[in-house]
C-alpha cells in the first residue's frame, strides 16, 4: 500500500526530495529510499541532482531529488542509453 501512496504523491508533485517522503509518510529515510529505489528500478522514477540545484556535491548536506517520469521522458532516457 505504501508504494502506491508514494507513487501517487510523486506523480502529483512531480519532483520530491527524500525528506519530503519521510515527512509526508512519517517513515525512516531507509524505508523511503527502498520505496523510491523500487520505482527507480521499475523505470518510473529518476534520481536527479541535489536539492540546492547544484550537482557539485560539495557541501555534503544537499540531498537528491526524485522525479516521476512520464512516458515521453522514459522514451527520451531510453534513446540516450541506446
N, C-alpha and C. Protein backbone atom coordinates (compact mmCIF):
# COMPACT_ATOMS: atom_id res chain seq x y z
N UNK A 1 0.83 -1.19 0.00
CA UNK A 1 0.00 0.00 0.00
C UNK A 1 0.87 1.26 0.00
N UNK A 2 1.95 1.27 0.75
CA UNK A 2 2.81 2.45 0.85
C UNK A 2 3.43 2.79 -0.50
N UNK A 3 3.81 1.79 -1.29
CA UNK A 3 4.40 2.06 -2.60
C UNK A 3 3.44 2.82 -3.50
N UNK A 4 2.20 2.43 -3.47
CA UNK A 4 1.18 3.11 -4.27
C UNK A 4 0.95 4.54 -3.79
N UNK A 5 0.96 4.74 -2.50
CA UNK A 5 0.77 6.08 -1.95
C UNK A 5 1.95 6.99 -2.33
N UNK A 6 3.14 6.44 -2.25
CA UNK A 6 4.33 7.21 -2.64
C UNK A 6 4.29 7.51 -4.12
N UNK A 7 3.91 6.53 -4.92
CA UNK A 7 3.76 6.75 -6.37
C UNK A 7 2.79 7.88 -6.66
N UNK A 8 1.64 7.84 -6.03
CA UNK A 8 0.62 8.87 -6.27
C UNK A 8 1.11 10.25 -5.82
N UNK A 9 1.78 10.29 -4.68
CA UNK A 9 2.31 11.56 -4.16
C UNK A 9 3.36 12.12 -5.12
N UNK A 10 4.22 11.26 -5.61
CA UNK A 10 5.27 11.70 -6.54
C UNK A 10 4.68 12.14 -7.87
N UNK A 11 3.69 11.43 -8.36
CA UNK A 11 3.03 11.84 -9.61
C UNK A 11 2.41 13.23 -9.46
N UNK A 12 1.82 13.46 -8.31
CA UNK A 12 1.16 14.74 -8.06
C UNK A 12 2.17 15.87 -7.95
N UNK A 13 3.26 15.64 -7.25
CA UNK A 13 4.27 16.67 -7.01
C UNK A 13 5.31 16.75 -8.12
N UNK A 14 5.46 15.70 -8.90
CA UNK A 14 6.41 15.54 -10.00
C UNK A 14 7.86 15.39 -9.54
N UNK A 15 8.32 16.22 -8.61
CA UNK A 15 9.68 16.11 -8.09
C UNK A 15 9.63 16.26 -6.57
N UNK A 16 10.33 15.35 -5.88
CA UNK A 16 10.36 15.39 -4.42
C UNK A 16 11.75 15.04 -3.92
N UNK A 17 11.99 15.41 -2.68
CA UNK A 17 13.24 15.02 -2.03
C UNK A 17 12.96 13.86 -1.08
N UNK A 18 14.02 13.25 -0.63
CA UNK A 18 13.89 12.15 0.32
C UNK A 18 13.19 12.63 1.59
N UNK A 19 13.55 13.82 2.05
CA UNK A 19 12.92 14.34 3.27
C UNK A 19 11.43 14.62 3.07
N UNK A 20 11.02 14.97 1.84
CA UNK A 20 9.59 15.14 1.56
C UNK A 20 8.84 13.85 1.87
N UNK A 21 9.41 12.73 1.42
CA UNK A 21 8.76 11.43 1.63
C UNK A 21 8.76 11.05 3.11
N UNK A 22 9.91 11.22 3.77
CA UNK A 22 9.98 10.83 5.18
C UNK A 22 9.02 11.63 6.03
N UNK A 23 8.89 12.91 5.73
CA UNK A 23 7.98 13.77 6.49
C UNK A 23 6.52 13.48 6.17
N UNK A 24 6.21 13.32 4.91
CA UNK A 24 4.81 13.12 4.48
C UNK A 24 4.25 11.80 5.00
N UNK A 25 5.07 10.75 4.97
CA UNK A 25 4.58 9.42 5.34
C UNK A 25 5.07 8.96 6.71
N UNK A 26 5.84 9.81 7.39
CA UNK A 26 6.35 9.50 8.73
C UNK A 26 7.06 8.14 8.74
N UNK A 27 8.03 8.01 7.82
CA UNK A 27 8.82 6.79 7.72
C UNK A 27 10.30 7.15 7.79
N UNK A 28 11.12 6.16 8.02
CA UNK A 28 12.56 6.38 8.09
C UNK A 28 13.13 6.68 6.71
N UNK A 29 14.31 7.27 6.69
CA UNK A 29 14.99 7.55 5.43
C UNK A 29 15.28 6.24 4.68
N UNK A 30 15.63 5.20 5.41
CA UNK A 30 15.92 3.91 4.79
C UNK A 30 14.68 3.35 4.09
N UNK A 31 13.54 3.43 4.75
CA UNK A 31 12.30 2.94 4.15
C UNK A 31 11.93 3.77 2.93
N UNK A 32 12.11 5.06 3.01
CA UNK A 32 11.82 5.94 1.87
C UNK A 32 12.74 5.62 0.70
N UNK A 33 14.02 5.40 0.98
CA UNK A 33 14.97 5.06 -0.09
C UNK A 33 14.58 3.75 -0.76
N UNK A 34 14.19 2.77 0.03
CA UNK A 34 13.77 1.49 -0.54
C UNK A 34 12.57 1.65 -1.47
N UNK A 35 11.60 2.43 -1.02
CA UNK A 35 10.41 2.65 -1.84
C UNK A 35 10.76 3.40 -3.12
N UNK A 36 11.57 4.44 -3.00
CA UNK A 36 11.94 5.21 -4.18
C UNK A 36 12.80 4.38 -5.14
N UNK A 37 13.70 3.57 -4.60
CA UNK A 37 14.53 2.72 -5.45
C UNK A 37 13.69 1.66 -6.16
N UNK A 38 12.61 1.22 -5.54
CA UNK A 38 11.69 0.30 -6.20
C UNK A 38 11.17 0.92 -7.49
N UNK A 39 10.74 2.19 -7.40
CA UNK A 39 10.21 2.87 -8.57
C UNK A 39 11.31 3.22 -9.58
N UNK A 40 12.51 3.50 -9.08
CA UNK A 40 13.65 3.73 -9.98
C UNK A 40 13.92 2.46 -10.78
N UNK A 41 13.94 1.31 -10.10
CA UNK A 41 14.19 0.03 -10.76
C UNK A 41 13.11 -0.30 -11.79
N UNK A 42 11.90 0.16 -11.55
CA UNK A 42 10.79 -0.07 -12.48
C UNK A 42 10.84 0.89 -13.67
N UNK A 43 11.73 1.89 -13.60
CA UNK A 43 11.84 2.86 -14.69
C UNK A 43 10.81 3.97 -14.64
N UNK A 44 10.16 4.10 -13.50
CA UNK A 44 9.11 5.12 -13.36
C UNK A 44 9.61 6.39 -12.70
N UNK A 45 10.76 6.30 -12.03
CA UNK A 45 11.31 7.43 -11.29
C UNK A 45 12.78 7.57 -11.64
N UNK A 46 13.22 8.82 -11.69
CA UNK A 46 14.62 9.10 -11.93
C UNK A 46 15.19 9.86 -10.74
N UNK A 47 16.37 9.46 -10.31
CA UNK A 47 17.07 10.16 -9.25
C UNK A 47 17.81 11.32 -9.91
N UNK A 48 17.54 12.54 -9.47
CA UNK A 48 18.15 13.70 -10.10
C UNK A 48 19.00 14.47 -9.10
N UNK A 49 19.62 15.54 -9.57
CA UNK A 49 20.60 16.30 -8.81
C UNK A 49 20.18 16.75 -7.43
N UNK A 50 21.10 17.44 -6.80
CA UNK A 50 20.94 17.91 -5.43
C UNK A 50 19.79 18.91 -5.31
N UNK A 51 19.20 18.96 -4.12
CA UNK A 51 18.07 19.84 -3.86
C UNK A 51 18.43 21.31 -3.98
N UNK A 52 19.70 21.64 -3.83
CA UNK A 52 20.11 23.04 -3.91
C UNK A 52 20.18 23.52 -5.35
N UNK A 53 20.01 22.62 -6.30
CA UNK A 53 20.08 22.98 -7.70
C UNK A 53 21.46 22.80 -8.28
N UNK A 54 22.40 22.42 -7.45
CA UNK A 54 23.77 22.21 -7.90
C UNK A 54 24.05 20.72 -7.91
N UNK A 55 24.85 20.30 -8.84
CA UNK A 55 25.21 18.89 -8.88
C UNK A 55 26.65 18.67 -8.43
N UNK A 56 27.24 19.70 -7.82
CA UNK A 56 28.65 19.59 -7.45
C UNK A 56 28.88 18.65 -6.28
N UNK A 57 27.91 18.55 -5.38
CA UNK A 57 28.04 17.68 -4.23
C UNK A 57 29.05 18.18 -3.21
N UNK A 58 29.41 19.45 -3.30
CA UNK A 58 30.46 19.99 -2.45
C UNK A 58 30.10 20.20 -1.00
N UNK A 59 28.87 20.53 -0.70
CA UNK A 59 28.55 20.88 0.69
C UNK A 59 28.25 19.66 1.55
N UNK A 60 27.85 18.57 0.95
CA UNK A 60 27.58 17.36 1.71
C UNK A 60 26.23 17.33 2.39
N UNK A 61 25.51 18.46 2.42
CA UNK A 61 24.21 18.47 3.09
C UNK A 61 23.06 18.45 2.10
N UNK A 62 23.35 18.61 0.83
CA UNK A 62 22.30 18.58 -0.19
C UNK A 62 21.83 17.14 -0.38
N UNK A 63 20.56 16.99 -0.66
CA UNK A 63 20.03 15.65 -0.88
C UNK A 63 19.51 15.52 -2.30
N UNK A 64 19.48 14.30 -2.78
CA UNK A 64 18.99 14.05 -4.12
C UNK A 64 17.48 14.22 -4.17
N UNK A 65 17.02 14.58 -5.34
CA UNK A 65 15.60 14.65 -5.61
C UNK A 65 15.22 13.46 -6.48
N UNK A 66 13.94 13.17 -6.49
CA UNK A 66 13.42 12.09 -7.31
C UNK A 66 12.30 12.66 -8.15
N UNK A 67 12.28 12.27 -9.43
CA UNK A 67 11.31 12.81 -10.37
C UNK A 67 10.51 11.68 -10.99
N UNK A 68 9.19 11.85 -11.04
CA UNK A 68 8.33 10.90 -11.72
C UNK A 68 8.53 11.07 -13.22
N UNK A 69 8.67 9.98 -13.93
CA UNK A 69 8.89 10.03 -15.37
C UNK A 69 7.61 9.69 -16.11
N UNK A 70 7.17 10.63 -16.94
CA UNK A 70 6.03 10.30 -17.77
C UNK A 70 6.53 9.51 -18.98
N UNK A 71 5.66 9.06 -19.81
CA UNK A 71 6.00 8.19 -20.93
C UNK A 71 7.04 8.83 -21.86
N UNK A 72 6.88 10.11 -22.17
CA UNK A 72 7.81 10.78 -23.07
C UNK A 72 9.21 10.87 -22.47
N UNK A 73 9.30 11.11 -21.17
CA UNK A 73 10.60 11.18 -20.51
C UNK A 73 11.29 9.82 -20.52
N UNK A 74 10.53 8.76 -20.35
CA UNK A 74 11.11 7.42 -20.38
C UNK A 74 11.68 7.12 -21.77
N UNK A 75 10.95 7.51 -22.80
CA UNK A 75 11.42 7.28 -24.18
C UNK A 75 12.70 8.06 -24.43
N UNK A 76 12.78 9.31 -23.97
CA UNK A 76 13.99 10.12 -24.14
C UNK A 76 15.18 9.49 -23.43
N UNK A 77 14.98 9.03 -22.20
CA UNK A 77 16.06 8.38 -21.46
C UNK A 77 16.52 7.10 -22.16
N UNK A 78 15.58 6.34 -22.66
CA UNK A 78 15.91 5.10 -23.36
C UNK A 78 16.76 5.41 -24.60
N UNK A 79 16.38 6.44 -25.34
CA UNK A 79 17.13 6.81 -26.54
C UNK A 79 18.54 7.26 -26.21
N UNK A 80 18.71 7.97 -25.08
CA UNK A 80 20.04 8.40 -24.67
C UNK A 80 20.93 7.22 -24.34
N UNK A 81 20.32 6.18 -23.78
CA UNK A 81 21.08 5.00 -23.37
C UNK A 81 21.44 4.12 -24.56
N UNK A 82 20.71 4.24 -25.65
CA UNK A 82 20.94 3.39 -26.83
C UNK A 82 22.12 3.86 -27.64
